[in-house]
PDB file of all heavy atoms in Angstrom:
ATOM      1  N   ILE A   1       5.096  -0.614   0.902  1.00  0.00           N
ATOM      2  CA  ILE A   1       4.696   0.470   0.004  1.00  0.00           C
ATOM      3  C   ILE A   1       3.153   0.239  -0.502  1.00  0.00           C
ATOM      4  O   ILE A   1       2.434   1.173  -0.395  1.00  0.00           O
ATOM      5  CB  ILE A   1       5.678   0.553  -1.314  1.00  0.00           C
ATOM      6  CG1 ILE A   1       6.939   1.208  -0.826  1.00  0.00           C
ATOM      7  CG2 ILE A   1       4.963   1.416  -2.343  1.00  0.00           C
ATOM      8  CD1 ILE A   1       8.019   1.124  -1.918  1.00  0.00           C
ATOM      9  N   LEU A   2       2.902  -1.005  -0.762  1.00  0.00           N
ATOM     10  CA  LEU A   2       1.588  -1.456  -1.300  1.00  0.00           C
ATOM     11  C   LEU A   2       0.563  -1.181  -0.168  1.00  0.00           C
ATOM     12  O   LEU A   2      -0.669  -0.890  -0.395  1.00  0.00           O
ATOM     13  CB  LEU A   2       1.568  -2.850  -1.750  1.00  0.00           C
ATOM     14  CG  LEU A   2       2.463  -3.148  -2.972  1.00  0.00           C
ATOM     15  CD1 LEU A   2       2.282  -4.641  -3.283  1.00  0.00           C
ATOM     16  CD2 LEU A   2       2.038  -2.309  -4.174  1.00  0.00           C
ATOM     17  N   SER A   3       0.977  -1.416   1.131  1.00  0.00           N
ATOM     18  CA  SER A   3       0.072  -1.229   2.242  1.00  0.00           C
ATOM     19  C   SER A   3       0.038   0.263   2.728  1.00  0.00           C
ATOM     20  O   SER A   3      -0.637   0.536   3.632  1.00  0.00           O
ATOM     21  CB  SER A   3       0.551  -2.081   3.453  1.00  0.00           C
ATOM     22  OG  SER A   3       1.846  -1.515   3.928  1.00  0.00           O
ATOM     23  N   LYS A   4       0.807   1.147   1.998  1.00  0.00           N
ATOM     24  CA  LYS A   4       0.817   2.583   2.287  1.00  0.00           C
ATOM     25  C   LYS A   4       1.495   2.965   3.575  1.00  0.00           C
ATOM     26  O   LYS A   4       1.298   4.022   4.074  1.00  0.00           O
ATOM     27  CB  LYS A   4      -0.546   3.207   2.172  1.00  0.00           C
ATOM     28  CG  LYS A   4      -1.109   3.017   0.869  1.00  0.00           C
ATOM     29  CD  LYS A   4      -2.573   3.568   0.654  1.00  0.00           C
ATOM     30  CE  LYS A   4      -3.236   3.300  -0.708  1.00  0.00           C
ATOM     31  NZ  LYS A   4      -4.548   3.873  -0.784  1.00  0.00           N
ATOM     32  N   GLU A   5       2.320   2.042   4.055  1.00  0.00           N
ATOM     33  CA  GLU A   5       3.141   2.320   5.281  1.00  0.00           C
ATOM     34  C   GLU A   5       4.367   3.147   4.999  1.00  0.00           C
ATOM     35  O   GLU A   5       4.894   3.846   5.802  1.00  0.00           O
ATOM     36  CB  GLU A   5       3.538   1.045   5.985  1.00  0.00           C
ATOM     37  CG  GLU A   5       2.496   0.394   6.894  1.00  0.00           C
ATOM     38  CD  GLU A   5       3.093  -0.729   7.798  1.00  0.00           C
ATOM     39  OE1 GLU A   5       4.345  -0.755   7.949  1.00  0.00           O
ATOM     40  OE2 GLU A   5       2.282  -1.433   8.447  1.00  0.00           O
ATOM     41  N   LEU A   6       4.849   2.948   3.720  1.00  0.00           N
ATOM     42  CA  LEU A   6       6.003   3.610   3.181  1.00  0.00           C
ATOM     43  C   LEU A   6       5.661   4.239   1.958  1.00  0.00           C
ATOM     44  O   LEU A   6       5.038   3.828   1.019  1.00  0.00           O
ATOM     45  CB  LEU A   6       7.089   2.466   3.053  1.00  0.00           C
ATOM     46  CG  LEU A   6       8.569   2.891   2.918  1.00  0.00           C
ATOM     47  CD1 LEU A   6       9.036   3.494   4.257  1.00  0.00           C
ATOM     48  CD2 LEU A   6       9.477   1.727   2.390  1.00  0.00           C
ATOM     49  N   VAL A   7       6.242   5.514   1.756  1.00  0.00           N
ATOM     50  CA  VAL A   7       6.113   6.282   0.564  1.00  0.00           C
ATOM     51  C   VAL A   7       7.249   6.061  -0.439  1.00  0.00           C
ATOM     52  O   VAL A   7       8.370   6.202  -0.026  1.00  0.00           O
ATOM     53  CB  VAL A   7       5.937   7.842   0.834  1.00  0.00           C
ATOM     54  CG1 VAL A   7       5.755   8.672  -0.441  1.00  0.00           C
ATOM     55  CG2 VAL A   7       4.789   7.944   1.864  1.00  0.00           C
ATOM     56  N   PRO A   8       7.040   5.715  -1.704  1.00  0.00           N
ATOM     57  CA  PRO A   8       8.134   5.482  -2.609  1.00  0.00           C
ATOM     58  C   PRO A   8       8.717   6.840  -3.014  1.00  0.00           C
ATOM     59  O   PRO A   8       8.167   7.953  -2.948  1.00  0.00           O
ATOM     60  CB  PRO A   8       7.369   4.958  -3.811  1.00  0.00           C
ATOM     61  CG  PRO A   8       6.015   5.394  -3.861  1.00  0.00           C
ATOM     62  CD  PRO A   8       5.613   5.533  -2.245  1.00  0.00           C
ATOM     63  N   ASP A   9       9.949   6.763  -3.579  1.00  0.00           N
ATOM     64  CA  ASP A   9      10.689   7.863  -4.111  1.00  0.00           C
ATOM     65  C   ASP A   9       9.934   8.548  -5.254  1.00  0.00           C
ATOM     66  O   ASP A   9       9.763   9.747  -5.454  1.00  0.00           O
ATOM     67  CB  ASP A   9      12.013   7.503  -4.511  1.00  0.00           C
ATOM     68  CG  ASP A   9      12.935   7.174  -3.417  1.00  0.00           C
ATOM     69  OD1 ASP A   9      12.551   7.480  -2.202  1.00  0.00           O
ATOM     70  OD2 ASP A   9      13.893   6.612  -3.525  1.00  0.00           O
ATOM     71  N   SER A  10       9.372   7.552  -6.074  1.00  0.00           N
ATOM     72  CA  SER A  10       8.573   8.127  -7.286  1.00  0.00           C
ATOM     73  C   SER A  10       7.681   6.912  -7.762  1.00  0.00           C
ATOM     74  O   SER A  10       7.913   5.822  -7.446  1.00  0.00           O
ATOM     75  CB  SER A  10       9.523   8.517  -8.474  1.00  0.00           C
ATOM     76  OG  SER A  10      10.309   7.497  -8.910  1.00  0.00           O
ATOM     77  N   GLY A  11       6.781   7.339  -8.634  1.00  0.00           N
ATOM     78  CA  GLY A  11       5.743   6.339  -9.169  1.00  0.00           C
ATOM     79  C   GLY A  11       4.473   6.505  -8.661  1.00  0.00           C
ATOM     80  O   GLY A  11       4.154   7.272  -7.664  1.00  0.00           O
ATOM     81  N   VAL A  12       3.478   5.705  -9.166  1.00  0.00           N
ATOM     82  CA  VAL A  12       2.053   5.843  -8.814  1.00  0.00           C
ATOM     83  C   VAL A  12       1.570   4.469  -8.405  1.00  0.00           C
ATOM     84  O   VAL A  12       1.817   3.523  -9.139  1.00  0.00           O
ATOM     85  CB  VAL A  12       1.294   6.506 -10.002  1.00  0.00           C
ATOM     86  CG1 VAL A  12      -0.267   6.545  -9.689  1.00  0.00           C
ATOM     87  CG2 VAL A  12       1.855   7.895 -10.398  1.00  0.00           C
ATOM     88  N   ILE A  13       0.737   4.431  -7.414  1.00  0.00           N
ATOM     89  CA  ILE A  13      -0.050   3.213  -7.038  1.00  0.00           C
ATOM     90  C   ILE A  13      -1.452   3.508  -7.079  1.00  0.00           C
ATOM     91  O   ILE A  13      -1.921   4.481  -6.216  1.00  0.00           O
ATOM     92  CB  ILE A  13       0.389   2.747  -5.562  1.00  0.00           C
ATOM     93  CG1 ILE A  13       1.863   2.426  -5.575  1.00  0.00           C
ATOM     94  CG2 ILE A  13      -0.355   1.428  -5.176  1.00  0.00           C
ATOM     95  CD1 ILE A  13       2.338   1.999  -4.166  1.00  0.00           C
ATOM     96  N   ALA A  14      -2.176   3.040  -7.955  1.00  0.00           N
ATOM     97  CA  ALA A  14      -3.609   3.358  -8.027  1.00  0.00           C
ATOM     98  C   ALA A  14      -4.421   2.145  -7.682  1.00  0.00           C
ATOM     99  O   ALA A  14      -4.191   1.031  -8.193  1.00  0.00           O
ATOM    100  CB  ALA A  14      -3.924   3.768  -9.469  1.00  0.00           C
ATOM    101  N   THR A  15      -5.492   2.428  -6.884  1.00  0.00           N
ATOM    102  CA  THR A  15      -6.457   1.357  -6.398  1.00  0.00           C
ATOM    103  C   THR A  15      -7.794   1.733  -6.799  1.00  0.00           C
ATOM    104  O   THR A  15      -8.150   2.851  -6.760  1.00  0.00           O
ATOM    105  CB  THR A  15      -6.291   0.943  -4.956  1.00  0.00           C
ATOM    106  OG1 THR A  15      -6.482   2.153  -4.198  1.00  0.00           O
ATOM    107  CG2 THR A  15      -4.922   0.453  -4.586  1.00  0.00           C
ATOM    108  N   GLU A  16      -8.710   0.823  -6.838  1.00  0.00           N
ATOM    109  CA  GLU A  16     -10.039   1.095  -6.914  1.00  0.00           C
ATOM    110  C   GLU A  16     -10.614   1.706  -5.651  1.00  0.00           C
ATOM    111  O   GLU A  16      -9.998   1.566  -4.612  1.00  0.00           O
ATOM    112  CB  GLU A  16     -10.874  -0.248  -7.214  1.00  0.00           C
ATOM    113  CG  GLU A  16     -10.531  -0.754  -8.648  1.00  0.00           C
ATOM    114  CD  GLU A  16     -11.180  -2.050  -8.873  1.00  0.00           C
ATOM    115  OE1 GLU A  16     -11.979  -2.544  -8.016  1.00  0.00           O
ATOM    116  OE2 GLU A  16     -10.953  -2.795  -9.753  1.00  0.00           O
ATOM    117  N   LYS A  17     -11.631   2.396  -5.639  1.00  0.00           N
ATOM    118  CA  LYS A  17     -12.292   3.031  -4.460  1.00  0.00           C
ATOM    119  C   LYS A  17     -12.622   2.030  -3.420  1.00  0.00           C
ATOM    120  O   LYS A  17     -13.070   0.874  -3.778  1.00  0.00           O
ATOM    121  CB  LYS A  17     -13.468   3.793  -4.916  1.00  0.00           C
ATOM    122  CG  LYS A  17     -13.231   5.078  -5.633  1.00  0.00           C
ATOM    123  CD  LYS A  17     -14.462   5.849  -5.999  1.00  0.00           C
ATOM    124  CE  LYS A  17     -14.113   7.192  -6.760  1.00  0.00           C
ATOM    125  NZ  LYS A  17     -15.406   7.927  -7.009  1.00  0.00           N
ATOM    126  N   GLU A  18     -12.387   2.450  -2.248  1.00  0.00           N
ATOM    127  CA  GLU A  18     -12.656   1.656  -1.007  1.00  0.00           C
ATOM    128  C   GLU A  18     -12.103   0.250  -1.020  1.00  0.00           C
ATOM    129  O   GLU A  18     -12.789  -0.743  -0.590  1.00  0.00           O
ATOM    130  CB  GLU A  18     -14.242   1.593  -0.904  1.00  0.00           C
ATOM    131  CG  GLU A  18     -14.924   2.962  -0.706  1.00  0.00           C
ATOM    132  CD  GLU A  18     -16.460   2.863  -0.636  1.00  0.00           C
ATOM    133  OE1 GLU A  18     -16.904   1.744  -0.666  1.00  0.00           O
ATOM    134  OE2 GLU A  18     -17.036   3.969  -0.385  1.00  0.00           O
ATOM    135  N   VAL A  19     -11.024   0.117  -1.614  1.00  0.00           N
ATOM    136  CA  VAL A  19     -10.182  -1.156  -1.484  1.00  0.00           C
ATOM    137  C   VAL A  19      -9.628  -1.365  -0.169  1.00  0.00           C
ATOM    138  O   VAL A  19      -8.838  -0.421   0.315  1.00  0.00           O
ATOM    139  CB  VAL A  19      -9.201  -1.326  -2.627  1.00  0.00           C
ATOM    140  CG1 VAL A  19      -8.252  -2.525  -2.332  1.00  0.00           C
ATOM    141  CG2 VAL A  19      -9.799  -1.453  -4.036  1.00  0.00           C
ATOM    142  N   SER A  20      -9.886  -2.449   0.521  1.00  0.00           N
ATOM    143  CA  SER A  20      -9.339  -2.656   1.860  1.00  0.00           C
ATOM    144  C   SER A  20      -8.124  -3.587   1.797  1.00  0.00           C
ATOM    145  O   SER A  20      -8.125  -4.590   0.975  1.00  0.00           O
ATOM    146  CB  SER A  20     -10.391  -3.337   2.802  1.00  0.00           C
ATOM    147  OG  SER A  20     -10.881  -4.538   2.337  1.00  0.00           O
ATOM    148  N   ILE A  21      -7.104  -3.329   2.531  1.00  0.00           N
ATOM    149  CA  ILE A  21      -5.805  -4.099   2.414  1.00  0.00           C
ATOM    150  C   ILE A  21      -5.586  -4.649   3.830  1.00  0.00           C
ATOM    151  O   ILE A  21      -5.491  -3.996   4.879  1.00  0.00           O
ATOM    152  CB  ILE A  21      -4.598  -3.181   2.049  1.00  0.00           C
ATOM    153  CG1 ILE A  21      -4.943  -2.611   0.708  1.00  0.00           C
ATOM    154  CG2 ILE A  21      -3.395  -3.875   2.098  1.00  0.00           C
ATOM    155  CD1 ILE A  21      -3.932  -1.612   0.073  1.00  0.00           C
ATOM    156  N   GLY A  22      -5.217  -5.943   3.877  1.00  0.00           N
ATOM    157  CA  GLY A  22      -4.714  -6.567   5.100  1.00  0.00           C
ATOM    158  C   GLY A  22      -3.247  -6.918   5.041  1.00  0.00           C
ATOM    159  O   GLY A  22      -2.960  -7.458   4.015  1.00  0.00           O
ATOM    160  N   PHE A  23      -2.590  -6.626   6.039  1.00  0.00           N
ATOM    161  CA  PHE A  23      -1.061  -6.733   5.964  1.00  0.00           C
ATOM    162  C   PHE A  23      -0.567  -7.641   7.151  1.00  0.00           C
ATOM    163  O   PHE A  23      -0.747  -7.315   8.336  1.00  0.00           O
ATOM    164  CB  PHE A  23      -0.438  -5.454   5.993  1.00  0.00           C
ATOM    165  CG  PHE A  23       1.118  -5.544   5.757  1.00  0.00           C
ATOM    166  CD1 PHE A  23       1.801  -6.574   5.311  1.00  0.00           C
ATOM    167  CD2 PHE A  23       1.825  -4.388   6.033  1.00  0.00           C
ATOM    168  CE1 PHE A  23       3.174  -6.624   5.088  1.00  0.00           C
ATOM    169  CE2 PHE A  23       3.228  -4.352   5.856  1.00  0.00           C
ATOM    170  CZ  PHE A  23       3.795  -5.522   5.332  1.00  0.00           C
ATOM    171  N   LEU A  24      -0.138  -8.873   6.908  1.00  0.00           N
ATOM    172  CA  LEU A  24       0.577  -9.763   7.877  1.00  0.00           C
ATOM    173  C   LEU A  24       1.992  -9.566   7.832  1.00  0.00           C
ATOM    174  O   LEU A  24       2.758  -9.862   6.874  1.00  0.00           O
ATOM    175  CB  LEU A  24       0.115 -11.205   7.616  1.00  0.00           C
ATOM    176  CG  LEU A  24       0.626 -12.280   8.550  1.00  0.00           C
ATOM    177  CD1 LEU A  24       0.043 -12.162   9.945  1.00  0.00           C
ATOM    178  CD2 LEU A  24       0.605 -13.580   8.141  1.00  0.00           C
ATOM    179  N   LYS A  25       2.568  -8.942   8.975  1.00  0.00           N
ATOM    180  CA  LYS A  25       3.962  -8.628   8.865  1.00  0.00           C
ATOM    181  C   LYS A  25       4.856  -9.741   9.401  1.00  0.00           C
ATOM    182  O   LYS A  25       4.243 -10.660  10.030  1.00  0.00           O
ATOM    183  CB  LYS A  25       4.225  -7.299   9.713  1.00  0.00           C
ATOM    184  CG  LYS A  25       3.496  -6.148   9.294  1.00  0.00           C
ATOM    185  CD  LYS A  25       3.734  -4.900  10.154  1.00  0.00           C
ATOM    186  CE  LYS A  25       2.877  -3.853   9.820  1.00  0.00           C
ATOM    187  NZ  LYS A  25       3.075  -2.546  10.623  1.00  0.00           N
ATOM    188  N   GLN A  26       6.105  -9.708   9.234  1.00  0.00           N
ATOM    189  CA  GLN A  26       7.033 -10.716   9.639  1.00  0.00           C
ATOM    190  C   GLN A  26       6.947 -10.836  11.375  1.00  0.00           C
ATOM    191  O   GLN A  26       6.908 -11.808  11.774  1.00  0.00           O
ATOM    192  CB  GLN A  26       8.516 -10.414   9.289  1.00  0.00           C
ATOM    193  CG  GLN A  26       8.819 -10.680   7.843  1.00  0.00           C
ATOM    194  CD  GLN A  26      10.255 -10.584   7.566  1.00  0.00           C
ATOM    195  OE1 GLN A  26      11.102 -10.541   8.387  1.00  0.00           O
ATOM    196  NE2 GLN A  26      10.617 -10.406   6.229  1.00  0.00           N
ATOM    197  N   ASP A  27       6.986  -9.667  11.896  1.00  0.00           N
ATOM    198  CA  ASP A  27       7.007  -9.623  13.338  1.00  0.00           C
ATOM    199  C   ASP A  27       5.722  -9.026  13.762  1.00  0.00           C
ATOM    200  O   ASP A  27       5.321  -7.850  13.447  1.00  0.00           O
ATOM    201  CB  ASP A  27       8.282  -8.686  13.719  1.00  0.00           C
ATOM    202  CG  ASP A  27       9.538  -9.204  13.266  1.00  0.00           C
ATOM    203  OD1 ASP A  27       9.715 -10.442  13.391  1.00  0.00           O
ATOM    204  OD2 ASP A  27      10.388  -8.373  12.688  1.00  0.00           O
TER     205      ASP A  27
END
């Protein structure tokens, strides 16, 4: 959800402009 791969049922995720996210997955 934080990486924006999944959309939550409800709620808000706010980030500063142009924030880059790196995601290391299990597989």
